[in-house]
Amino acid sequence: MGRFKSPGQAQRFLSLHDQTAALLRPKRYRLTAVSYRHARTDAFSLWSDFAAKITA
């Protein structure tokens, strides 16, 4: 559990972290270099749009 105060807090963090990591780190071994670059560009574009929405 590391430094989390409760199992619920750890679960909420890990759940969100898993989704974010899956978006920002595509499976490299399944993609060509060009496809990987496109996937990363798309992911960071989605992430910046999402971050802009929650901060506005």
N, C-alpha and C. Protein backbone atom coordinates (compact mmCIF):
# COMPACT_ATOMS: atom_id res chain seq x y z
N MET A 1 0.81 -1.18 0.00
CA MET A 1 0.00 0.00 0.00
C MET A 1 0.86 1.26 0.00
N GLY A 2 2.12 1.13 0.24
CA GLY A 2 3.00 2.29 0.19
C GLY A 2 2.62 3.33 1.22
N ARG A 3 2.41 4.54 0.78
CA ARG A 3 2.11 5.64 1.70
C ARG A 3 0.65 6.09 1.62
N PHE A 4 -0.20 5.24 1.17
CA PHE A 4 -1.62 5.57 1.11
C PHE A 4 -2.24 5.42 2.49
N LYS A 5 -3.23 6.25 2.76
CA LYS A 5 -3.87 6.23 4.08
C LYS A 5 -4.87 5.11 4.23
N SER A 6 -5.40 4.64 3.12
CA SER A 6 -6.39 3.57 3.20
C SER A 6 -6.33 2.74 1.92
N PRO A 7 -6.84 1.50 1.98
CA PRO A 7 -6.89 0.68 0.78
C PRO A 7 -7.76 1.31 -0.31
N GLY A 8 -8.82 2.01 0.08
CA GLY A 8 -9.69 2.66 -0.91
C GLY A 8 -8.96 3.75 -1.67
N GLN A 9 -8.15 4.54 -0.96
CA GLN A 9 -7.39 5.60 -1.61
C GLN A 9 -6.38 4.99 -2.58
N ALA A 10 -5.72 3.94 -2.18
CA ALA A 10 -4.76 3.26 -3.05
C ALA A 10 -5.47 2.73 -4.31
N GLN A 11 -6.64 2.15 -4.13
CA GLN A 11 -7.39 1.59 -5.26
C GLN A 11 -7.81 2.68 -6.23
N ARG A 12 -8.29 3.81 -5.72
CA ARG A 12 -8.70 4.93 -6.59
C ARG A 12 -7.50 5.44 -7.40
N PHE A 13 -6.37 5.60 -6.74
CA PHE A 13 -5.18 6.08 -7.43
C PHE A 13 -4.73 5.09 -8.49
N LEU A 14 -4.64 3.84 -8.14
CA LEU A 14 -4.16 2.83 -9.07
C LEU A 14 -5.10 2.65 -10.24
N SER A 15 -6.38 2.77 -10.02
CA SER A 15 -7.36 2.65 -11.09
C SER A 15 -7.17 3.76 -12.12
N LEU A 16 -7.03 4.99 -11.64
CA LEU A 16 -6.82 6.12 -12.55
C LEU A 16 -5.45 6.03 -13.22
N HIS A 17 -4.44 5.63 -12.46
CA HIS A 17 -3.09 5.52 -13.02
C HIS A 17 -3.04 4.48 -14.13
N ASP A 18 -3.72 3.39 -13.96
CA ASP A 18 -3.74 2.33 -14.97
C ASP A 18 -4.35 2.83 -16.28
N GLN A 19 -5.45 3.56 -16.18
CA GLN A 19 -6.10 4.08 -17.38
C GLN A 19 -5.22 5.11 -18.08
N THR A 20 -4.60 5.97 -17.31
CA THR A 20 -3.72 7.00 -17.88
C THR A 20 -2.50 6.36 -18.53
N ALA A 21 -1.90 5.41 -17.86
CA ALA A 21 -0.72 4.75 -18.40
C ALA A 21 -1.05 4.00 -19.69
N ALA A 22 -2.21 3.37 -19.74
CA ALA A 22 -2.61 2.66 -20.95
C ALA A 22 -2.79 3.62 -22.12
N LEU A 23 -3.28 4.82 -21.84
CA LEU A 23 -3.47 5.81 -22.90
C LEU A 23 -2.13 6.36 -23.38
N LEU A 24 -1.25 6.71 -22.45
CA LEU A 24 -0.02 7.41 -22.80
C LEU A 24 1.12 6.49 -23.20
N ARG A 25 1.00 5.21 -22.91
CA ARG A 25 2.07 4.28 -23.28
C ARG A 25 1.50 3.11 -24.08
N PRO A 26 1.34 3.29 -25.39
CA PRO A 26 0.83 2.19 -26.21
C PRO A 26 1.82 1.02 -26.22
N LYS A 27 1.32 -0.13 -26.53
CA LYS A 27 2.15 -1.34 -26.56
C LYS A 27 3.18 -1.25 -27.69
N ARG A 28 4.38 -0.89 -27.36
CA ARG A 28 5.42 -0.62 -28.35
C ARG A 28 5.73 -1.84 -29.20
N TYR A 29 5.74 -3.00 -28.63
CA TYR A 29 6.13 -4.20 -29.35
C TYR A 29 5.12 -4.58 -30.43
N ARG A 30 3.92 -4.01 -30.39
CA ARG A 30 2.90 -4.33 -31.39
C ARG A 30 2.87 -3.35 -32.55
N LEU A 31 3.66 -2.28 -32.48
CA LEU A 31 3.56 -1.20 -33.46
C LEU A 31 4.87 -0.96 -34.18
N THR A 32 4.75 -0.47 -35.40
CA THR A 32 5.95 0.00 -36.09
C THR A 32 6.33 1.34 -35.47
N ALA A 33 7.52 1.83 -35.78
CA ALA A 33 7.98 3.09 -35.21
C ALA A 33 7.06 4.25 -35.60
N VAL A 34 6.63 4.28 -36.84
CA VAL A 34 5.76 5.36 -37.30
C VAL A 34 4.40 5.28 -36.60
N SER A 35 3.85 4.09 -36.50
CA SER A 35 2.56 3.91 -35.82
C SER A 35 2.66 4.30 -34.34
N TYR A 36 3.77 3.95 -33.72
CA TYR A 36 3.99 4.29 -32.32
C TYR A 36 4.02 5.81 -32.14
N ARG A 37 4.72 6.52 -33.02
CA ARG A 37 4.78 7.98 -32.93
C ARG A 37 3.40 8.60 -33.11
N HIS A 38 2.63 8.08 -34.04
CA HIS A 38 1.27 8.58 -34.24
C HIS A 38 0.40 8.31 -33.02
N ALA A 39 0.52 7.13 -32.46
CA ALA A 39 -0.28 6.78 -31.28
C ALA A 39 0.07 7.69 -30.11
N ARG A 40 1.36 7.96 -29.91
CA ARG A 40 1.78 8.85 -28.83
C ARG A 40 1.28 10.28 -29.06
N THR A 41 1.37 10.75 -30.28
CA THR A 41 0.90 12.09 -30.60
C THR A 41 -0.60 12.21 -30.33
N ASP A 42 -1.35 11.23 -30.77
CA ASP A 42 -2.81 11.22 -30.53
C ASP A 42 -3.12 11.18 -29.03
N ALA A 43 -2.38 10.35 -28.30
CA ALA A 43 -2.63 10.22 -26.87
C ALA A 43 -2.35 11.53 -26.14
N PHE A 44 -1.25 12.18 -26.46
CA PHE A 44 -0.94 13.43 -25.78
C PHE A 44 -1.90 14.54 -26.19
N SER A 45 -2.40 14.48 -27.39
CA SER A 45 -3.41 15.45 -27.82
C SER A 45 -4.70 15.26 -27.02
N LEU A 46 -5.13 14.01 -26.87
CA LEU A 46 -6.31 13.72 -26.05
C LEU A 46 -6.10 14.17 -24.61
N TRP A 47 -4.93 13.89 -24.09
CA TRP A 47 -4.64 14.24 -22.70
C TRP A 47 -4.66 15.76 -22.51
N SER A 48 -4.08 16.50 -23.43
CA SER A 48 -4.05 17.96 -23.28
C SER A 48 -5.47 18.53 -23.39
N ASP A 49 -6.30 17.97 -24.28
CA ASP A 49 -7.69 18.40 -24.38
C ASP A 49 -8.44 18.13 -23.07
N PHE A 50 -8.23 16.95 -22.51
CA PHE A 50 -8.88 16.58 -21.26
C PHE A 50 -8.42 17.49 -20.12
N ALA A 51 -7.13 17.74 -20.04
CA ALA A 51 -6.58 18.59 -18.97
C ALA A 51 -7.11 20.02 -19.10
N ALA A 52 -7.26 20.50 -20.32
CA ALA A 52 -7.80 21.84 -20.54
C ALA A 52 -9.26 21.93 -20.08
N LYS A 53 -10.02 20.86 -20.29
CA LYS A 53 -11.43 20.85 -19.88
C LYS A 53 -11.58 20.86 -18.37
N ILE A 54 -10.73 20.12 -17.66
CA ILE A 54 -10.91 20.04 -16.22
C ILE A 54 -10.32 21.25 -15.51
N THR A 55 -9.44 22.00 -16.15
CA THR A 55 -8.89 23.19 -15.52
C THR A 55 -9.70 24.44 -15.86
N ALA A 56 -10.55 24.35 -16.87
CA ALA A 56 -11.35 25.53 -17.27
C ALA A 56 -12.65 25.62 -16.53
